[in-house]
Amino acid sequence: MSLSTQFHSWFQVWKPEQQEEALAWYAIGVPMSIALLARIGIETTDTAFLGHLGVHELASAALALVYVDMTSASLWQSYGATIKSLCAQAVGARNW
């Protein structure tokens, strides 16, 4: 049995509204996954080129990347917490 046949039989167990929601999640998740892999590829390529320049250049770029990643992660987490609380309030008030 091929992989597509297995997925098709597994997918048919779901109700139609569950299938629609799963496809919507896949439509969002697949491009995000591709973008994340592209970002990792860019960072890996940059690191490889900096490694050819020298040890000090590679070390300084690694420290800068850690700083940038930590800063952006904390900003995105604070934005996410804000959005989650606002959405919860709107849903609770039935204000959608």
C-alpha atoms as a PDB file:
ATOM      1  CA  MET A   1       0.000   0.000   0.000  1.00  0.00           C
ATOM      2  CA  SER A   2       1.494   3.348  -1.020  1.00  0.00           C
ATOM      3  CA  LEU A   3       1.877   6.324   1.278  1.00  0.00           C
ATOM      4  CA  SER A   4      -0.764   8.376  -0.556  1.00  0.00           C
ATOM      5  CA  THR A   5      -3.270   5.512  -0.261  1.00  0.00           C
ATOM      6  CA  GLN A   6      -2.570   5.224   3.463  1.00  0.00           C
ATOM      7  CA  PHE A   7      -3.048   8.971   3.932  1.00  0.00           C
ATOM      8  CA  HIS A   8      -6.233   8.939   1.863  1.00  0.00           C
ATOM      9  CA  SER A   9      -7.776   6.104   3.931  1.00  0.00           C
ATOM     10  CA  TRP A  10      -6.719   7.800   7.164  1.00  0.00           C
ATOM     11  CA  PHE A  11      -8.119  11.143   5.986  1.00  0.00           C
ATOM     12  CA  GLN A  12     -11.524   9.610   5.124  1.00  0.00           C
ATOM     13  CA  VAL A  13     -12.129   8.688   8.786  1.00  0.00           C
ATOM     14  CA  TRP A  14     -12.606  12.364   9.610  1.00  0.00           C
ATOM     15  CA  LYS A  15     -15.883  14.218   9.221  1.00  0.00           C
ATOM     16  CA  PRO A  16     -16.084  16.687   6.309  1.00  0.00           C
ATOM     17  CA  GLU A  17     -15.774  19.741   8.555  1.00  0.00           C
ATOM     18  CA  GLN A  18     -12.705  18.197  10.193  1.00  0.00           C
ATOM     19  CA  GLN A  19     -11.204  17.573   6.758  1.00  0.00           C
ATOM     20  CA  GLU A  20     -11.779  21.205   5.789  1.00  0.00           C
ATOM     21  CA  GLU A  21     -10.157  22.447   8.980  1.00  0.00           C
ATOM     22  CA  ALA A  22      -7.191  20.107   8.565  1.00  0.00           C
ATOM     23  CA  LEU A  23      -6.671  21.331   5.002  1.00  0.00           C
ATOM     24  CA  ALA A  24      -6.849  24.940   6.221  1.00  0.00           C
ATOM     25  CA  TRP A  25      -4.192  24.199   8.857  1.00  0.00           C
ATOM     26  CA  TYR A  26      -2.007  22.505   6.247  1.00  0.00           C
ATOM     27  CA  ALA A  27      -2.447  25.487   3.941  1.00  0.00           C
ATOM     28  CA  ILE A  28      -1.069  27.703   6.703  1.00  0.00           C
ATOM     29  CA  GLY A  29       1.537  25.305   8.082  1.00  0.00           C
ATOM     30  CA  VAL A  30       3.273  24.186   4.904  1.00  0.00           C
ATOM     31  CA  PRO A  31       4.349  27.684   3.738  1.00  0.00           C
ATOM     32  CA  MET A  32       5.444  28.543   7.289  1.00  0.00           C
ATOM     33  CA  SER A  33       7.532  25.374   7.443  1.00  0.00           C
ATOM     34  CA  ILE A  34       9.138  26.150   4.093  1.00  0.00           C
ATOM     35  CA  ALA A  35       9.929  29.696   5.250  1.00  0.00           C
ATOM     36  CA  LEU A  36      11.486  28.384   8.465  1.00  0.00           C
ATOM     37  CA  LEU A  37      13.634  25.901   6.544  1.00  0.00           C
ATOM     38  CA  ALA A  38      14.720  28.685   4.183  1.00  0.00           C
ATOM     39  CA  ARG A  39      15.699  30.862   7.146  1.00  0.00           C
ATOM     40  CA  ILE A  40      17.727  28.036   8.658  1.00  0.00           C
ATOM     41  CA  GLY A  41      19.390  27.490   5.284  1.00  0.00           C
ATOM     42  CA  ILE A  42      20.329  31.162   5.026  1.00  0.00           C
ATOM     43  CA  GLU A  43      21.808  31.173   8.534  1.00  0.00           C
ATOM     44  CA  THR A  44      23.736  27.970   7.811  1.00  0.00           C
ATOM     45  CA  THR A  45      25.145  29.401   4.588  1.00  0.00           C
ATOM     46  CA  ASP A  46      26.168  32.622   6.346  1.00  0.00           C
ATOM     47  CA  THR A  47      27.884  30.616   9.072  1.00  0.00           C
ATOM     48  CA  ALA A  48      29.763  28.524   6.525  1.00  0.00           C
ATOM     49  CA  PHE A  49      31.047  31.634   4.723  1.00  0.00           C
ATOM     50  CA  LEU A  50      32.051  33.287   8.001  1.00  0.00           C
ATOM     51  CA  GLY A  51      33.892  30.134   8.997  1.00  0.00           C
ATOM     52  CA  HIS A  52      36.078  30.563   5.933  1.00  0.00           C
ATOM     53  CA  LEU A  53      36.933  34.141   6.932  1.00  0.00           C
ATOM     54  CA  GLY A  54      38.309  33.246  10.347  1.00  0.00           C
ATOM     55  CA  VAL A  55      37.677  32.153  13.893  1.00  0.00           C
ATOM     56  CA  HIS A  56      37.088  35.631  15.306  1.00  0.00           C
ATOM     57  CA  GLU A  57      34.606  36.562  12.590  1.00  0.00           C
ATOM     58  CA  LEU A  58      32.670  33.334  13.137  1.00  0.00           C
ATOM     59  CA  ALA A  59      32.590  33.824  16.904  1.00  0.00           C
ATOM     60  CA  SER A  60      31.385  37.420  16.648  1.00  0.00           C
ATOM     61  CA  ALA A  61      28.667  36.475  14.169  1.00  0.00           C
ATOM     62  CA  ALA A  62      27.530  33.593  16.395  1.00  0.00           C
ATOM     63  CA  LEU A  63      27.228  35.919  19.394  1.00  0.00           C
ATOM     64  CA  ALA A  64      25.331  38.476  17.320  1.00  0.00           C
ATOM     65  CA  LEU A  65      22.964  35.788  16.033  1.00  0.00           C
ATOM     66  CA  VAL A  66      22.220  34.610  19.574  1.00  0.00           C
ATOM     67  CA  TYR A  67      21.467  38.195  20.640  1.00  0.00           C
ATOM     68  CA  VAL A  68      19.206  38.832  17.641  1.00  0.00           C
ATOM     69  CA  ASP A  69      17.347  35.523  18.061  1.00  0.00           C
ATOM     70  CA  MET A  70      16.754  36.070  21.780  1.00  0.00           C
ATOM     71  CA  THR A  71      15.557  39.634  21.236  1.00  0.00           C
ATOM     72  CA  SER A  72      13.184  38.690  18.441  1.00  0.00           C
ATOM     73  CA  ALA A  73      11.876  35.673  20.367  1.00  0.00           C
ATOM     74  CA  SER A  74      11.024  37.790  23.408  1.00  0.00           C
ATOM     75  CA  LEU A  75       9.282  40.372  21.225  1.00  0.00           C
ATOM     76  CA  TRP A  76       7.211  37.749  19.415  1.00  0.00           C
ATOM     77  CA  GLN A  77       6.256  36.095  22.705  1.00  0.00           C
ATOM     78  CA  SER A  78       5.044  39.403  24.126  1.00  0.00           C
ATOM     79  CA  TYR A  79       3.064  40.123  20.958  1.00  0.00           C
ATOM     80  CA  GLY A  80       1.575  36.641  21.114  1.00  0.00           C
ATOM     81  CA  ALA A  81       0.542  37.050  24.752  1.00  0.00           C
ATOM     82  CA  THR A  82      -1.136  40.349  23.932  1.00  0.00           C
ATOM     83  CA  ILE A  83      -3.028  38.923  20.968  1.00  0.00           C
ATOM     84  CA  LYS A  84      -4.115  35.855  22.955  1.00  0.00           C
ATOM     85  CA  SER A  85      -5.582  37.947  25.758  1.00  0.00           C
ATOM     86  CA  LEU A  86      -7.364  40.301  23.353  1.00  0.00           C
ATOM     87  CA  CYS A  87      -8.807  37.384  21.387  1.00  0.00           C
ATOM     88  CA  ALA A  88      -9.956  35.659  24.586  1.00  0.00           C
ATOM     89  CA  GLN A  89     -11.719  38.835  25.695  1.00  0.00           C
ATOM     90  CA  ALA A  90     -13.394  39.252  22.304  1.00  0.00           C
ATOM     91  CA  VAL A  91     -14.568  35.638  22.233  1.00  0.00           C
ATOM     92  CA  GLY A  92     -15.819  35.881  25.813  1.00  0.00           C
ATOM     93  CA  ALA A  93     -17.813  39.016  24.950  1.00  0.00           C
ATOM     94  CA  ARG A  94     -19.022  37.382  21.706  1.00  0.00           C
ATOM     95  CA  ASN A  95     -17.531  40.335  19.881  1.00  0.00           C
ATOM     96  CA  TRP A  96     -16.329  38.749  16.689  1.00  0.00           C
END
